[in-house]
Amino acid sequence: MEYEEYEETIPSTKKIKTKKNRIKKIKSKWSLSSRFLYLFYSIILTVAIVYVLADIALRIYFNRYPWYLVSVGLNVVLLCLIYFITVGIRNFTVIGYISTIPSNYLPIEQIDIPKKAYEKIGCELNKASDISSSAVPLPESIPPRGWGRKGTMYENIHFQTAIVQSSSLLESTVLKFNGQLVREPYMTIRQYINILANNKLINRDIGLCYVNNYEHACYSSDEIKEDEYEETMKLLAILLKKMQSKGAKKGHKNSKKK
C-alpha cells in the first residue's frame, strides 16, 4: 500500500512542474506581446499627433476660422492625454511586476533568463567547479600549528619546545669556557644573559634579542612560526660562535705563555 501511495505522488509532482513551466511560458509570451503592443500604440499616437498638428497649421493658414482651432486643439489634448496615460500605466505595471520578484530569487532555468546569459552563467559555474576541485591543498603545505612541515629540515620539530630547550645548550656551552658562570635555579634567562654580557662572553644586543624571542616562546599563547624559530636559532648560533672565538683566543694566549 505504501508503495502504491508513493507511486501516486510521483505523477502529481510532475504535473505541478509542467504547470509551472506552462505558466512561465505564458508569462514570457505575454510580456513580449505587451511590449510590442506598447511600441505599436505609441508609434500610432505619435503619428496621429504629428498629423493633427500639421492639420491645425494648414487650417489656420488657409481658413483662419477660430472654431477649427478650438476643435482640433481639443483633439490634440485628448490624444496627448491618452498617450501619457498609456505610458504611465505601462510604467506602473512594470514597477509592480518588478516589486513582486523576491530579492533572493536566483534564475535556475533557461526560461527565466536569455539564452546567452544562461550559457554564460553555466560556463562560469563550470569554471568555478573545476577550480575548486583542482585547488586541493597538499599535506606538506599545511603543517600542524607550531610544527615543521613534512619533507623539510624542520620535520618533527616543535618550535616552541626547541626554543625553550635552547637555553640549556647556551648554559652548557658557557660552562665549557668558564665553569664559574653557573646559572642558579632562581635566575631568569634575562639575568643570565646580562651576566654573560658583563663578562664579555656575548654581545649584549644580540643576547637581548635572543631573550625576547625566548620569553615570547615561554610565556605567550601564540603558536611559534617557522620564521620566528629560524630567527631565534640564528641569534643563538651567533652567541655560541662569539663564545667559541673568545675561548679559542684565550687558549692561544695560554699556550704562548707556557
C-alpha atoms as a PDB file:
ATOM      1  CA  MET A   1       0.000   0.000   0.000  1.00  0.00           C
ATOM      2  CA  GLU A   2       2.783   2.420   0.875  1.00  0.00           C
ATOM      3  CA  TYR A   3       4.485   1.682  -2.447  1.00  0.00           C
ATOM      4  CA  GLU A   4       1.260   2.443  -4.339  1.00  0.00           C
ATOM      5  CA  GLU A   5       0.828   5.734  -2.462  1.00  0.00           C
ATOM      6  CA  TYR A   6       4.414   6.673  -3.295  1.00  0.00           C
ATOM      7  CA  GLU A   7       3.773   5.926  -6.977  1.00  0.00           C
ATOM      8  CA  GLU A   8       0.689   8.158  -6.894  1.00  0.00           C
ATOM      9  CA  THR A   9       2.673  11.126  -5.549  1.00  0.00           C
ATOM     10  CA  ILE A  10       5.213  10.987  -8.401  1.00  0.00           C
ATOM     11  CA  PRO A  11       2.852  11.993 -11.241  1.00  0.00           C
ATOM     12  CA  SER A  12       1.353  14.735  -9.075  1.00  0.00           C
ATOM     13  CA  THR A  13       4.762  16.374  -8.645  1.00  0.00           C
ATOM     14  CA  LYS A  14       5.391  16.034 -12.391  1.00  0.00           C
ATOM     15  CA  LYS A  15       2.062  17.707 -13.109  1.00  0.00           C
ATOM     16  CA  ILE A  16       2.942  20.585 -10.800  1.00  0.00           C
ATOM     17  CA  LYS A  17       6.275  21.087 -12.576  1.00  0.00           C
ATOM     18  CA  THR A  18       4.637  21.041 -16.012  1.00  0.00           C
ATOM     19  CA  LYS A  19       2.025  23.553 -14.846  1.00  0.00           C
ATOM     20  CA  LYS A  20       4.746  25.860 -13.544  1.00  0.00           C
ATOM     21  CA  ASN A  21       6.625  25.641 -16.829  1.00  0.00           C
ATOM     22  CA  ARG A  22       3.442  26.437 -18.767  1.00  0.00           C
ATOM     23  CA  ILE A  23       2.751  29.442 -16.551  1.00  0.00           C
ATOM     24  CA  LYS A  24       6.304  30.700 -17.080  1.00  0.00           C
ATOM     25  CA  LYS A  25       5.979  30.313 -20.851  1.00  0.00           C
ATOM     26  CA  ILE A  26       2.650  32.162 -20.845  1.00  0.00           C
ATOM     27  CA  LYS A  27       4.125  34.978 -18.750  1.00  0.00           C
ATOM     28  CA  SER A  28       7.123  35.339 -21.040  1.00  0.00           C
ATOM     29  CA  LYS A  29       4.902  35.387 -24.155  1.00  0.00           C
ATOM     30  CA  TRP A  30       2.544  37.899 -22.536  1.00  0.00           C
ATOM     31  CA  SER A  31       5.409  40.212 -21.587  1.00  0.00           C
ATOM     32  CA  LEU A  32       6.766  40.125 -25.157  1.00  0.00           C
ATOM     33  CA  SER A  33       3.339  40.763 -26.678  1.00  0.00           C
ATOM     34  CA  SER A  34       2.676  43.624 -24.258  1.00  0.00           C
ATOM     35  CA  ARG A  35       5.953  45.242 -25.256  1.00  0.00           C
ATOM     36  CA  PHE A  36       5.138  45.052 -28.961  1.00  0.00           C
ATOM     37  CA  LEU A  37       1.636  46.416 -28.391  1.00  0.00           C
ATOM     38  CA  TYR A  38       3.028  49.273 -26.317  1.00  0.00           C
ATOM     39  CA  LEU A  39       5.511  50.218 -29.032  1.00  0.00           C
ATOM     40  CA  PHE A  40       2.917  49.900 -31.801  1.00  0.00           C
ATOM     41  CA  TYR A  41       0.387  52.001 -29.907  1.00  0.00           C
ATOM     42  CA  SER A  42       2.918  54.705 -29.065  1.00  0.00           C
ATOM     43  CA  ILE A  43       4.007  54.919 -32.726  1.00  0.00           C
ATOM     44  CA  ILE A  44       0.387  55.329 -33.861  1.00  0.00           C
ATOM     45  CA  LEU A  45      -0.225  58.065 -31.291  1.00  0.00           C
ATOM     46  CA  THR A  46       2.893  59.994 -32.250  1.00  0.00           C
ATOM     47  CA  VAL A  47       1.965  59.795 -35.943  1.00  0.00           C
ATOM     48  CA  ALA A  48      -1.566  60.970 -35.127  1.00  0.00           C
ATOM     49  CA  ILE A  49      -0.281  63.887 -33.047  1.00  0.00           C
ATOM     50  CA  VAL A  50       2.063  64.974 -35.836  1.00  0.00           C
ATOM     51  CA  TYR A  51      -0.784  64.697 -38.367  1.00  0.00           C
ATOM     52  CA  VAL A  52      -3.139  66.737 -36.192  1.00  0.00           C
ATOM     53  CA  LEU A  53      -0.543  69.434 -35.609  1.00  0.00           C
ATOM     54  CA  ALA A  54       0.071  69.673 -39.349  1.00  0.00           C
ATOM     55  CA  ASP A  55      -3.680  69.843 -39.950  1.00  0.00           C
ATOM     56  CA  ILE A  56      -4.008  72.656 -37.405  1.00  0.00           C
ATOM     57  CA  ALA A  57      -1.283  74.628 -39.090  1.00  0.00           C
ATOM     58  CA  LEU A  58      -2.852  74.213 -42.544  1.00  0.00           C
ATOM     59  CA  ARG A  59      -6.397  75.057 -41.378  1.00  0.00           C
ATOM     60  CA  ILE A  60      -5.213  78.170 -39.562  1.00  0.00           C
ATOM     61  CA  TYR A  61      -3.181  79.269 -42.559  1.00  0.00           C
ATOM     62  CA  PHE A  62      -5.900  78.758 -45.212  1.00  0.00           C
ATOM     63  CA  ASN A  63      -9.249  79.073 -43.429  1.00  0.00           C
ATOM     64  CA  ARG A  64      -8.413  81.324 -40.484  1.00  0.00           C
ATOM     65  CA  TYR A  65     -11.555  80.223 -38.561  1.00  0.00           C
ATOM     66  CA  PRO A  66     -11.192  80.133 -34.741  1.00  0.00           C
ATOM     67  CA  TRP A  67     -13.643  77.277 -34.176  1.00  0.00           C
ATOM     68  CA  TYR A  68     -11.409  74.992 -36.270  1.00  0.00           C
ATOM     69  CA  LEU A  69      -8.557  75.815 -33.945  1.00  0.00           C
ATOM     70  CA  VAL A  70     -10.631  75.014 -30.848  1.00  0.00           C
ATOM     71  CA  SER A  71     -11.946  71.681 -32.149  1.00  0.00           C
ATOM     72  CA  VAL A  72      -8.619  70.435 -33.415  1.00  0.00           C
ATOM     73  CA  GLY A  73      -6.846  71.666 -30.261  1.00  0.00           C
ATOM     74  CA  LEU A  74      -9.222  69.613 -28.117  1.00  0.00           C
ATOM     75  CA  ASN A  75      -8.419  66.563 -30.224  1.00  0.00           C
ATOM     76  CA  VAL A  76      -4.712  67.136 -29.698  1.00  0.00           C
ATOM     77  CA  VAL A  77      -5.181  67.453 -25.940  1.00  0.00           C
ATOM     78  CA  LEU A  78      -7.198  64.230 -25.835  1.00  0.00           C
ATOM     79  CA  LEU A  79      -4.597  62.335 -27.847  1.00  0.00           C
ATOM     80  CA  CYS A  80      -1.812  63.622 -25.593  1.00  0.00           C
ATOM     81  CA  LEU A  81      -3.757  62.599 -22.503  1.00  0.00           C
ATOM     82  CA  ILE A  82      -4.356  59.123 -23.922  1.00  0.00           C
ATOM     83  CA  TYR A  83      -0.692  58.791 -24.805  1.00  0.00           C
ATOM     84  CA  PHE A  84       0.617  59.861 -21.401  1.00  0.00           C
ATOM     85  CA  ILE A  85      -1.962  57.720 -19.598  1.00  0.00           C
ATOM     86  CA  THR A  86      -0.839  54.642 -21.520  1.00  0.00           C
ATOM     87  CA  VAL A  87       2.812  55.430 -20.778  1.00  0.00           C
ATOM     88  CA  GLY A  88       2.049  55.867 -17.073  1.00  0.00           C
ATOM     89  CA  ILE A  89       0.038  52.639 -16.920  1.00  0.00           C
ATOM     90  CA  ARG A  90       2.865  50.794 -18.620  1.00  0.00           C
ATOM     91  CA  ASN A  91       5.430  52.146 -16.153  1.00  0.00           C
ATOM     92  CA  PHE A  92       3.273  51.329 -13.142  1.00  0.00           C
ATOM     93  CA  THR A  93       2.683  47.773 -14.342  1.00  0.00           C
ATOM     94  CA  VAL A  94       6.409  47.215 -14.912  1.00  0.00           C
ATOM     95  CA  ILE A  95       7.248  48.582 -11.440  1.00  0.00           C
ATOM     96  CA  GLY A  96       4.547  46.399  -9.911  1.00  0.00           C
ATOM     97  CA  TYR A  97       5.860  43.241 -11.574  1.00  0.00           C
ATOM     98  CA  ILE A  98       9.423  44.052 -10.509  1.00  0.00           C
ATOM     99  CA  SER A  99       8.322  44.561  -6.892  1.00  0.00           C
ATOM    100  CA  THR A 100       6.710  41.100  -6.851  1.00  0.00           C
ATOM    101  CA  ILE A 101      10.046  39.406  -7.649  1.00  0.00           C
ATOM    102  CA  PRO A 102      11.685  38.114  -4.426  1.00  0.00           C
ATOM    103  CA  SER A 103      15.067  39.657  -3.619  1.00  0.00           C
ATOM    104  CA  ASN A 104      16.654  36.242  -3.008  1.00  0.00           C
ATOM    105  CA  TYR A 105      15.400  34.734  -6.260  1.00  0.00           C
ATOM    106  CA  LEU A 106      18.008  33.060  -8.445  1.00  0.00           C
ATOM    107  CA  PRO A 107      17.149  32.080 -12.047  1.00  0.00           C
ATOM    108  CA  ILE A 108      17.914  28.392 -12.351  1.00  0.00           C
ATOM    109  CA  GLU A 109      16.038  27.521 -15.531  1.00  0.00           C
ATOM    110  CA  GLN A 110      16.656  28.544 -19.117  1.00  0.00           C
ATOM    111  CA  ILE A 111      13.179  30.074 -19.387  1.00  0.00           C
ATOM    112  CA  ASP A 112      13.907  32.657 -16.686  1.00  0.00           C
ATOM    113  CA  ILE A 113      16.793  34.432 -18.435  1.00  0.00           C
ATOM    114  CA  PRO A 114      18.038  34.944 -22.017  1.00  0.00           C
ATOM    115  CA  LYS A 115      19.862  32.083 -23.697  1.00  0.00           C
ATOM    116  CA  LYS A 116      23.234  33.876 -23.908  1.00  0.00           C
ATOM    117  CA  ALA A 117      23.101  34.826 -20.239  1.00  0.00           C
ATOM    118  CA  TYR A 118      22.137  31.271 -19.293  1.00  0.00           C
ATOM    119  CA  GLU A 119      25.077  29.834 -21.279  1.00  0.00           C
ATOM    120  CA  LYS A 120      27.477  32.407 -19.796  1.00  0.00           C
ATOM    121  CA  ILE A 121      26.384  31.598 -16.239  1.00  0.00           C
ATOM    122  CA  GLY A 122      26.713  27.869 -16.895  1.00  0.00           C
ATOM    123  CA  CYS A 123      30.210  28.320 -18.332  1.00  0.00           C
ATOM    124  CA  GLU A 124      31.365  30.374 -15.335  1.00  0.00           C
ATOM    125  CA  LEU A 125      29.872  27.883 -12.878  1.00  0.00           C
ATOM    126  CA  ASN A 126      31.710  25.039 -14.620  1.00  0.00           C
ATOM    127  CA  LYS A 127      34.969  27.001 -14.403  1.00  0.00           C
ATOM    128  CA  ALA A 128      34.412  27.638 -10.700  1.00  0.00           C
ATOM    129  CA  SER A 129      33.721  23.958 -10.030  1.00  0.00           C
ATOM    130  CA  ASP A 130      36.867  22.938 -11.941  1.00  0.00           C
ATOM    131  CA  ILE A 131      38.999  25.406  -9.995  1.00  0.00           C
ATOM    132  CA  SER A 132      37.568  24.339  -6.634  1.00  0.00           C
ATOM    133  CA  SER A 133      38.094  20.653  -7.418  1.00  0.00           C
ATOM    134  CA  SER A 134      41.685  21.180  -8.597  1.00  0.00           C
ATOM    135  CA  ALA A 135      42.641  23.509  -5.721  1.00  0.00           C
ATOM    136  CA  VAL A 136      43.239  20.704  -3.226  1.00  0.00           C
ATOM    137  CA  PRO A 137      45.952  21.630  -0.706  1.00  0.00           C
ATOM    138  CA  LEU A 138      48.872  19.232  -0.357  1.00  0.00           C
ATOM    139  CA  PRO A 139      49.518  17.704   3.081  1.00  0.00           C
ATOM    140  CA  GLU A 140      53.012  19.195   3.269  1.00  0.00           C
ATOM    141  CA  SER A 141      51.684  22.679   2.525  1.00  0.00           C
ATOM    142  CA  ILE A 142      49.511  22.677   5.662  1.00  0.00           C
ATOM    143  CA  PRO A 143      51.793  21.966   8.618  1.00  0.00           C
ATOM    144  CA  PRO A 144      50.389  21.416  12.115  1.00  0.00           C
ATOM    145  CA  ARG A 145      50.318  24.570  14.171  1.00  0.00           C
ATOM    146  CA  GLY A 146      53.731  25.175  15.701  1.00  0.00           C
ATOM    147  CA  TRP A 147      55.392  22.215  13.962  1.00  0.00           C
ATOM    148  CA  GLY A 148      57.731  21.934  10.986  1.00  0.00           C
ATOM    149  CA  ARG A 149      56.411  20.877   7.607  1.00  0.00           C
ATOM    150  CA  LYS A 150      56.892  17.363   6.323  1.00  0.00           C
ATOM    151  CA  GLY A 151      59.734  16.854   3.885  1.00  0.00           C
ATOM    152  CA  THR A 152      61.730  19.831   5.215  1.00  0.00           C
ATOM    153  CA  MET A 153      64.685  20.074   7.586  1.00  0.00           C
ATOM    154  CA  TYR A 154      62.299  21.108  10.375  1.00  0.00           C
ATOM    155  CA  GLU A 155      60.155  17.988  10.212  1.00  0.00           C
ATOM    156  CA  ASN A 156      59.038  16.664  13.643  1.00  0.00           C
ATOM    157  CA  ILE A 157      60.347  19.813  15.372  1.00  0.00           C
ATOM    158  CA  HIS A 158      58.061  21.692  17.732  1.00  0.00           C
ATOM    159  CA  PHE A 159      59.281  25.269  17.504  1.00  0.00           C
ATOM    160  CA  GLN A 160      58.201  26.420  20.948  1.00  0.00           C
ATOM    161  CA  THR A 161      59.772  23.429  22.722  1.00  0.00           C
ATOM    162  CA  ALA A 162      63.000  23.764  20.744  1.00  0.00           C
ATOM    163  CA  ILE A 163      63.373  27.454  21.632  1.00  0.00           C
ATOM    164  CA  VAL A 164      62.727  26.791  25.325  1.00  0.00           C
ATOM    165  CA  GLN A 165      65.282  23.972  25.381  1.00  0.00           C
ATOM    166  CA  SER A 166      67.892  26.110  23.610  1.00  0.00           C
ATOM    167  CA  SER A 167      68.740  27.861  26.905  1.00  0.00           C
ATOM    168  CA  SER A 168      70.242  24.633  28.263  1.00  0.00           C
ATOM    169  CA  LEU A 169      72.504  24.435  25.191  1.00  0.00           C
ATOM    170  CA  LEU A 170      73.630  28.007  25.829  1.00  0.00           C
ATOM    171  CA  GLU A 171      74.370  27.252  29.501  1.00  0.00           C
ATOM    172  CA  SER A 172      76.340  24.083  28.733  1.00  0.00           C
ATOM    173  CA  THR A 173      78.449  25.950  26.170  1.00  0.00           C
ATOM    174  CA  VAL A 174      79.201  28.728  28.679  1.00  0.00           C
ATOM    175  CA  LEU A 175      80.352  26.208  31.296  1.00  0.00           C
ATOM    176  CA  LYS A 176      82.873  24.774  28.836  1.00  0.00           C
ATOM    177  CA  PHE A 177      84.702  28.109  28.727  1.00  0.00           C
ATOM    178  CA  ASN A 178      84.007  29.356  32.257  1.00  0.00           C
ATOM    179  CA  GLY A 179      82.929  26.877  34.920  1.00  0.00           C
ATOM    180  CA  GLN A 180      82.103  29.622  37.410  1.00  0.00           C
ATOM    181  CA  LEU A 181      79.261  31.114  35.335  1.00  0.00           C
ATOM    182  CA  VAL A 182      76.638  28.665  36.508  1.00  0.00           C
ATOM    183  CA  ARG A 183      73.004  29.624  36.133  1.00  0.00           C
ATOM    184  CA  GLU A 184      71.323  29.425  39.528  1.00  0.00           C
ATOM    185  CA  PRO A 185      67.795  27.947  39.823  1.00  0.00           C
ATOM    186  CA  TYR A 186      66.296  31.321  40.818  1.00  0.00           C
ATOM    187  CA  MET A 187      67.996  33.152  37.948  1.00  0.00           C
ATOM    188  CA  THR A 188      65.986  34.076  34.851  1.00  0.00           C
ATOM    189  CA  ILE A 189      67.425  33.737  31.389  1.00  0.00           C
ATOM    190  CA  ARG A 190      67.460  37.533  31.043  1.00  0.00           C
ATOM    191  CA  GLN A 191      69.558  37.900  34.186  1.00  0.00           C
ATOM    192  CA  TYR A 192      71.872  35.159  32.957  1.00  0.00           C
ATOM    193  CA  ILE A 193      72.323  36.889  29.582  1.00  0.00           C
ATOM    194  CA  ASN A 194      73.181  40.159  31.352  1.00  0.00           C
ATOM    195  CA  ILE A 195      75.818  38.342  33.439  1.00  0.00           C
ATOM    196  CA  LEU A 196      77.345  36.833  30.294  1.00  0.00           C
ATOM    197  CA  ALA A 197      77.375  40.252  28.628  1.00  0.00           C
ATOM    198  CA  ASN A 198      79.039  41.820  31.678  1.00  0.00           C
ATOM    199  CA  ASN A 199      81.756  39.148  31.465  1.00  0.00           C
ATOM    200  CA  LYS A 200      82.136  39.997  27.754  1.00  0.00           C
ATOM    201  CA  LEU A 201      81.335  36.478  26.609  1.00  0.00           C
ATOM    202  CA  ILE A 202      78.483  37.575  24.314  1.00  0.00           C
ATOM    203  CA  ASN A 203      77.186  40.685  22.594  1.00  0.00           C
ATOM    204  CA  ARG A 204      74.550  42.362  24.769  1.00  0.00           C
ATOM    205  CA  ASP A 205      72.280  43.490  21.908  1.00  0.00           C
ATOM    206  CA  ILE A 206      72.202  40.052  20.292  1.00  0.00           C
ATOM    207  CA  GLY A 207      71.652  38.459  23.691  1.00  0.00           C
ATOM    208  CA  LEU A 208      68.669  40.716  24.423  1.00  0.00           C
ATOM    209  CA  CYS A 209      67.119  39.886  21.032  1.00  0.00           C
ATOM    210  CA  TYR A 210      67.504  36.197  21.829  1.00  0.00           C
ATOM    211  CA  VAL A 211      65.925  36.707  25.276  1.00  0.00           C
ATOM    212  CA  ASN A 212      62.916  38.498  23.772  1.00  0.00           C
ATOM    213  CA  ASN A 213      62.238  35.580  21.418  1.00  0.00           C
ATOM    214  CA  TYR A 214      62.831  33.093  24.241  1.00  0.00           C
ATOM    215  CA  GLU A 215      60.363  34.819  26.582  1.00  0.00           C
ATOM    216  CA  HIS A 216      57.790  35.058  23.791  1.00  0.00           C
ATOM    217  CA  ALA A 217      58.056  31.302  23.259  1.00  0.00           C
ATOM    218  CA  CYS A 218      57.824  30.592  27.001  1.00  0.00           C
ATOM    219  CA  TYR A 219      55.018  32.879  28.112  1.00  0.00           C
ATOM    220  CA  SER A 220      52.950  33.662  25.010  1.00  0.00           C
ATOM    221  CA  SER A 221      49.914  31.622  23.974  1.00  0.00           C
ATOM    222  CA  ASP A 222      50.637  32.255  20.281  1.00  0.00           C
ATOM    223  CA  GLU A 223      51.996  29.441  18.182  1.00  0.00           C
ATOM    224  CA  ILE A 224      55.589  29.968  17.108  1.00  0.00           C
ATOM    225  CA  LYS A 225      56.065  30.124  13.347  1.00  0.00           C
ATOM    226  CA  GLU A 226      58.944  28.830  11.278  1.00  0.00           C
ATOM    227  CA  ASP A 227      60.476  32.245  10.622  1.00  0.00           C
ATOM    228  CA  GLU A 228      60.480  33.073  14.350  1.00  0.00           C
ATOM    229  CA  TYR A 229      62.186  29.760  15.096  1.00  0.00           C
ATOM    230  CA  GLU A 230      64.819  30.398  12.411  1.00  0.00           C
ATOM    231  CA  GLU A 231      65.498  33.887  13.744  1.00  0.00           C
ATOM    232  CA  THR A 232      65.949  32.602  17.318  1.00  0.00           C
ATOM    233  CA  MET A 233      68.265  29.812  16.242  1.00  0.00           C
ATOM    234  CA  LYS A 234      70.369  32.247  14.202  1.00  0.00           C
ATOM    235  CA  LEU A 235      70.758  34.509  17.233  1.00  0.00           C
ATOM    236  CA  LEU A 236      71.754  31.522  19.361  1.00  0.00           C
ATOM    237  CA  ALA A 237      74.310  30.447  16.751  1.00  0.00           C
ATOM    238  CA  ILE A 238      75.846  33.941  16.757  1.00  0.00           C
ATOM    239  CA  LEU A 239      76.127  33.863  20.561  1.00  0.00           C
ATOM    240  CA  LEU A 240      77.770  30.435  20.534  1.00  0.00           C
ATOM    241  CA  LYS A 241      80.241  31.442  17.809  1.00  0.00           C
ATOM    242  CA  LYS A 242      81.145  34.553  19.794  1.00  0.00           C
ATOM    243  CA  MET A 243      81.937  32.441  22.848  1.00  0.00           C
ATOM    244  CA  GLN A 244      83.908  29.884  20.826  1.00  0.00           C
ATOM    245  CA  SER A 245      86.029  32.593  19.208  1.00  0.00           C
ATOM    246  CA  LYS A 246      86.834  34.127  22.600  1.00  0.00           C
ATOM    247  CA  GLY A 247      87.605  30.699  24.054  1.00  0.00           C
ATOM    248  CA  ALA A 248      89.964  29.970  21.169  1.00  0.00           C
ATOM    249  CA  LYS A 249      91.779  33.284  21.725  1.00  0.00           C
ATOM    250  CA  LYS A 250      92.221  32.536  25.442  1.00  0.00           C
ATOM    251  CA  GLY A 251      93.580  29.074  24.677  1.00  0.00           C
ATOM    252  CA  HIS A 252      96.053  30.534  22.190  1.00  0.00           C
ATOM    253  CA  LYS A 253      97.278  33.085  24.764  1.00  0.00           C
ATOM    254  CA  ASN A 254      97.709  30.412  27.442  1.00  0.00           C
ATOM    255  CA  SER A 255      99.762  28.248  25.072  1.00  0.00           C
ATOM    256  CA  LYS A 256     102.039  31.198  24.295  1.00  0.00           C
ATOM    257  CA  LYS A 257     102.644  31.885  27.989  1.00  0.00           C
ATOM    258  CA  LYS A 258     103.628  28.272  28.592  1.00  0.00           C
END
